[in-house]
Amino acid sequence: MINGILFRVRTAIPWRDLPERFGSWKTVYERHRRWSADGTWDRILRAVQADADLAGRIDWSMAGVDSTSCRAHQHAAGPRAA
């Protein structure tokens, strides 16, 4: 299941074109949709990052976020000036 989701994300193919070796595309899509909605992917990411951090495999000094990598909603700045 996870391999099918990762394959689809890596290749950016339409869900319907997912190779049969990953199972039914509908099942893979539904699982991905459900895991996205219920926070499963976020929990997996946090667990993998925590393990990697404990093992010293993450250099947090290289991590950074600024306004060029985070889009704000079009109304985030408030109303336009008249």
N, C-alpha and C. Protein backbone atom coordinates (compact mmCIF):
# COMPACT_ATOMS: atom_id res chain seq x y z
N MET A 1 0.82 -1.19 0.00
CA MET A 1 0.00 0.00 0.00
C MET A 1 0.87 1.26 0.00
N ILE A 2 1.81 1.32 0.96
CA ILE A 2 2.67 2.49 1.05
C ILE A 2 3.52 2.62 -0.20
N ASN A 3 4.02 1.50 -0.73
CA ASN A 3 4.82 1.57 -1.96
C ASN A 3 4.01 2.13 -3.12
N GLY A 4 2.74 1.78 -3.20
CA GLY A 4 1.88 2.33 -4.25
C GLY A 4 1.70 3.82 -4.11
N ILE A 5 1.50 4.28 -2.89
CA ILE A 5 1.34 5.72 -2.65
C ILE A 5 2.63 6.45 -2.99
N LEU A 6 3.76 5.91 -2.53
CA LEU A 6 5.04 6.55 -2.81
C LEU A 6 5.34 6.57 -4.31
N PHE A 7 5.01 5.49 -5.00
CA PHE A 7 5.22 5.44 -6.45
C PHE A 7 4.42 6.54 -7.13
N ARG A 8 3.17 6.67 -6.75
CA ARG A 8 2.30 7.68 -7.36
C ARG A 8 2.82 9.10 -7.07
N VAL A 9 3.26 9.35 -5.84
CA VAL A 9 3.76 10.67 -5.48
C VAL A 9 5.05 10.98 -6.23
N ARG A 10 5.94 9.98 -6.33
CA ARG A 10 7.22 10.17 -7.03
C ARG A 10 7.04 10.42 -8.51
N THR A 11 6.11 9.72 -9.14
CA THR A 11 5.96 9.79 -10.60
C THR A 11 4.92 10.80 -11.05
N ALA A 12 4.05 11.24 -10.13
CA ALA A 12 2.98 12.21 -10.43
C ALA A 12 2.01 11.71 -11.51
N ILE A 13 1.85 10.40 -11.59
CA ILE A 13 0.90 9.85 -12.55
C ILE A 13 -0.52 9.99 -11.99
N PRO A 14 -1.52 9.95 -12.85
CA PRO A 14 -2.90 9.92 -12.33
C PRO A 14 -3.12 8.63 -11.53
N TRP A 15 -3.96 8.71 -10.51
CA TRP A 15 -4.22 7.53 -9.67
C TRP A 15 -4.65 6.34 -10.51
N ARG A 16 -5.47 6.58 -11.53
CA ARG A 16 -5.98 5.48 -12.36
C ARG A 16 -4.88 4.74 -13.12
N ASP A 17 -3.71 5.38 -13.28
CA ASP A 17 -2.60 4.76 -14.00
C ASP A 17 -1.63 4.02 -13.08
N LEU A 18 -1.97 3.89 -11.82
CA LEU A 18 -1.10 3.17 -10.89
C LEU A 18 -0.97 1.71 -11.34
N PRO A 19 0.27 1.21 -11.47
CA PRO A 19 0.45 -0.18 -11.91
C PRO A 19 -0.28 -1.17 -11.00
N GLU A 20 -0.79 -2.23 -11.60
CA GLU A 20 -1.59 -3.23 -10.88
C GLU A 20 -0.82 -3.92 -9.77
N ARG A 21 0.52 -3.93 -9.86
CA ARG A 21 1.31 -4.61 -8.82
C ARG A 21 1.11 -3.98 -7.44
N PHE A 22 0.57 -2.75 -7.40
CA PHE A 22 0.31 -2.08 -6.12
C PHE A 22 -1.11 -2.33 -5.63
N GLY A 23 -1.89 -3.07 -6.37
CA GLY A 23 -3.27 -3.33 -6.00
C GLY A 23 -4.21 -2.36 -6.70
N SER A 24 -5.44 -2.37 -6.28
CA SER A 24 -6.45 -1.51 -6.88
C SER A 24 -6.10 -0.04 -6.64
N TRP A 25 -6.10 0.75 -7.70
CA TRP A 25 -5.78 2.17 -7.54
C TRP A 25 -6.77 2.85 -6.62
N LYS A 26 -8.02 2.40 -6.65
CA LYS A 26 -9.04 3.01 -5.79
C LYS A 26 -8.73 2.78 -4.31
N THR A 27 -8.28 1.58 -3.99
CA THR A 27 -7.93 1.26 -2.61
C THR A 27 -6.73 2.08 -2.16
N VAL A 28 -5.71 2.15 -3.00
CA VAL A 28 -4.51 2.92 -2.67
C VAL A 28 -4.86 4.40 -2.50
N TYR A 29 -5.67 4.92 -3.41
CA TYR A 29 -6.08 6.33 -3.32
C TYR A 29 -6.86 6.59 -2.04
N GLU A 30 -7.82 5.72 -1.74
CA GLU A 30 -8.64 5.92 -0.54
C GLU A 30 -7.80 5.89 0.73
N ARG A 31 -6.85 4.97 0.79
CA ARG A 31 -5.98 4.89 1.97
C ARG A 31 -5.16 6.17 2.09
N HIS A 32 -4.60 6.64 0.98
CA HIS A 32 -3.82 7.89 1.00
C HIS A 32 -4.70 9.06 1.45
N ARG A 33 -5.90 9.14 0.92
CA ARG A 33 -6.81 10.23 1.27
C ARG A 33 -7.15 10.17 2.76
N ARG A 34 -7.45 9.00 3.25
CA ARG A 34 -7.81 8.83 4.66
C ARG A 34 -6.63 9.18 5.57
N TRP A 35 -5.43 8.68 5.22
CA TRP A 35 -4.26 8.96 6.04
C TRP A 35 -3.90 10.44 6.01
N SER A 36 -4.14 11.10 4.89
CA SER A 36 -3.89 12.54 4.82
C SER A 36 -4.87 13.29 5.72
N ALA A 37 -6.12 12.89 5.69
CA ALA A 37 -7.17 13.58 6.46
C ALA A 37 -7.05 13.34 7.96
N ASP A 38 -6.66 12.13 8.36
CA ASP A 38 -6.65 11.83 9.80
C ASP A 38 -5.30 12.06 10.48
N GLY A 39 -4.32 12.56 9.73
CA GLY A 39 -3.03 12.91 10.33
C GLY A 39 -2.03 11.78 10.41
N THR A 40 -2.33 10.64 9.79
CA THR A 40 -1.41 9.50 9.84
C THR A 40 -0.06 9.86 9.23
N TRP A 41 -0.06 10.52 8.08
CA TRP A 41 1.21 10.89 7.43
C TRP A 41 2.03 11.80 8.33
N ASP A 42 1.39 12.74 9.02
CA ASP A 42 2.11 13.63 9.93
C ASP A 42 2.75 12.85 11.07
N ARG A 43 2.02 11.87 11.61
CA ARG A 43 2.57 11.05 12.70
C ARG A 43 3.74 10.21 12.22
N ILE A 44 3.64 9.66 11.01
CA ILE A 44 4.75 8.87 10.45
C ILE A 44 5.97 9.76 10.28
N LEU A 45 5.78 10.95 9.72
CA LEU A 45 6.91 11.86 9.51
C LEU A 45 7.57 12.22 10.84
N ARG A 46 6.78 12.54 11.85
CA ARG A 46 7.35 12.88 13.16
C ARG A 46 8.14 11.72 13.75
N ALA A 47 7.62 10.50 13.61
CA ALA A 47 8.32 9.32 14.15
C ALA A 47 9.63 9.07 13.42
N VAL A 48 9.61 9.16 12.10
CA VAL A 48 10.82 8.94 11.30
C VAL A 48 11.86 10.02 11.61
N GLN A 49 11.40 11.28 11.71
CA GLN A 49 12.32 12.37 12.04
C GLN A 49 12.91 12.19 13.44
N ALA A 50 12.09 11.79 14.39
CA ALA A 50 12.58 11.59 15.76
C ALA A 50 13.64 10.50 15.80
N ASP A 51 13.40 9.39 15.10
CA ASP A 51 14.39 8.31 15.06
C ASP A 51 15.69 8.78 14.41
N ALA A 52 15.56 9.49 13.30
CA ALA A 52 16.75 9.98 12.60
C ALA A 52 17.50 11.00 13.46
N ASP A 53 16.77 11.84 14.18
CA ASP A 53 17.39 12.84 15.05
C ASP A 53 18.16 12.16 16.18
N LEU A 54 17.54 11.16 16.81
CA LEU A 54 18.22 10.43 17.89
C LEU A 54 19.49 9.75 17.40
N ALA A 55 19.47 9.30 16.15
CA ALA A 55 20.63 8.62 15.58
C ALA A 55 21.66 9.61 15.03
N GLY A 56 21.35 10.91 15.12
CA GLY A 56 22.28 11.93 14.64
C GLY A 56 22.34 12.06 13.13
N ARG A 57 21.28 11.66 12.45
CA ARG A 57 21.27 11.70 10.99
C ARG A 57 20.61 12.95 10.43
N ILE A 58 20.19 13.89 11.29
CA ILE A 58 19.58 15.13 10.81
C ILE A 58 20.43 16.30 11.28
N ASP A 59 20.81 17.15 10.34
CA ASP A 59 21.54 18.37 10.66
C ASP A 59 20.54 19.51 10.65
N TRP A 60 19.99 19.82 11.83
CA TRP A 60 18.94 20.84 11.92
C TRP A 60 19.46 22.23 11.57
N SER A 61 20.77 22.44 11.57
CA SER A 61 21.30 23.76 11.21
C SER A 61 21.05 24.07 9.74
N MET A 62 20.76 23.05 8.96
CA MET A 62 20.50 23.24 7.53
C MET A 62 19.01 23.44 7.25
N ALA A 63 18.17 23.33 8.26
CA ALA A 63 16.72 23.48 8.07
C ALA A 63 16.33 24.93 8.25
N GLY A 64 15.43 25.38 7.40
CA GLY A 64 14.95 26.75 7.52
C GLY A 64 13.71 26.96 6.68
N VAL A 65 12.89 27.86 7.14
CA VAL A 65 11.67 28.20 6.42
C VAL A 65 11.57 29.71 6.37
N ASP A 66 11.26 30.23 5.22
CA ASP A 66 11.03 31.66 5.12
C ASP A 66 9.87 31.91 4.17
N SER A 67 9.58 33.15 3.91
CA SER A 67 8.40 33.48 3.12
C SER A 67 8.50 33.03 1.67
N THR A 68 9.69 32.70 1.19
CA THR A 68 9.80 32.24 -0.18
C THR A 68 9.39 30.78 -0.31
N SER A 69 9.34 30.06 0.81
CA SER A 69 8.96 28.66 0.74
C SER A 69 7.60 28.37 1.34
N CYS A 70 6.95 29.37 1.91
CA CYS A 70 5.62 29.19 2.51
C CYS A 70 4.66 30.21 1.91
N ARG A 71 3.75 29.73 1.10
CA ARG A 71 2.77 30.63 0.52
C ARG A 71 1.70 30.95 1.55
N ALA A 72 1.34 32.21 1.59
CA ALA A 72 0.24 32.63 2.47
C ALA A 72 -1.04 32.66 1.65
N HIS A 73 -2.15 32.49 2.32
CA HIS A 73 -3.44 32.59 1.66
C HIS A 73 -3.58 34.00 1.10
N GLN A 74 -4.31 34.15 0.01
CA GLN A 74 -4.42 35.45 -0.66
C GLN A 74 -4.99 36.54 0.25
N HIS A 75 -5.74 36.16 1.27
CA HIS A 75 -6.33 37.15 2.17
C HIS A 75 -5.55 37.29 3.47
N ALA A 76 -4.39 36.67 3.57
CA ALA A 76 -3.63 36.66 4.82
C ALA A 76 -3.15 38.06 5.22
N ALA A 77 -2.92 38.93 4.26
CA ALA A 77 -2.42 40.27 4.57
C ALA A 77 -3.52 41.23 4.99
N GLY A 78 -4.74 40.79 4.96
CA GLY A 78 -5.86 41.66 5.33
C GLY A 78 -6.44 42.35 4.10
N PRO A 79 -7.37 43.26 4.31
CA PRO A 79 -8.02 43.92 3.18
C PRO A 79 -7.07 44.87 2.46
N ARG A 80 -7.32 45.07 1.18
CA ARG A 80 -6.51 46.00 0.39
C ARG A 80 -6.77 47.43 0.82
N ALA A 81 -5.73 48.23 0.73
CA ALA A 81 -5.88 49.66 1.06
C ALA A 81 -6.63 50.35 -0.06
N ALA A 82 -7.44 51.31 0.30
CA ALA A 82 -8.25 52.01 -0.70
C ALA A 82 -7.46 53.08 -1.42
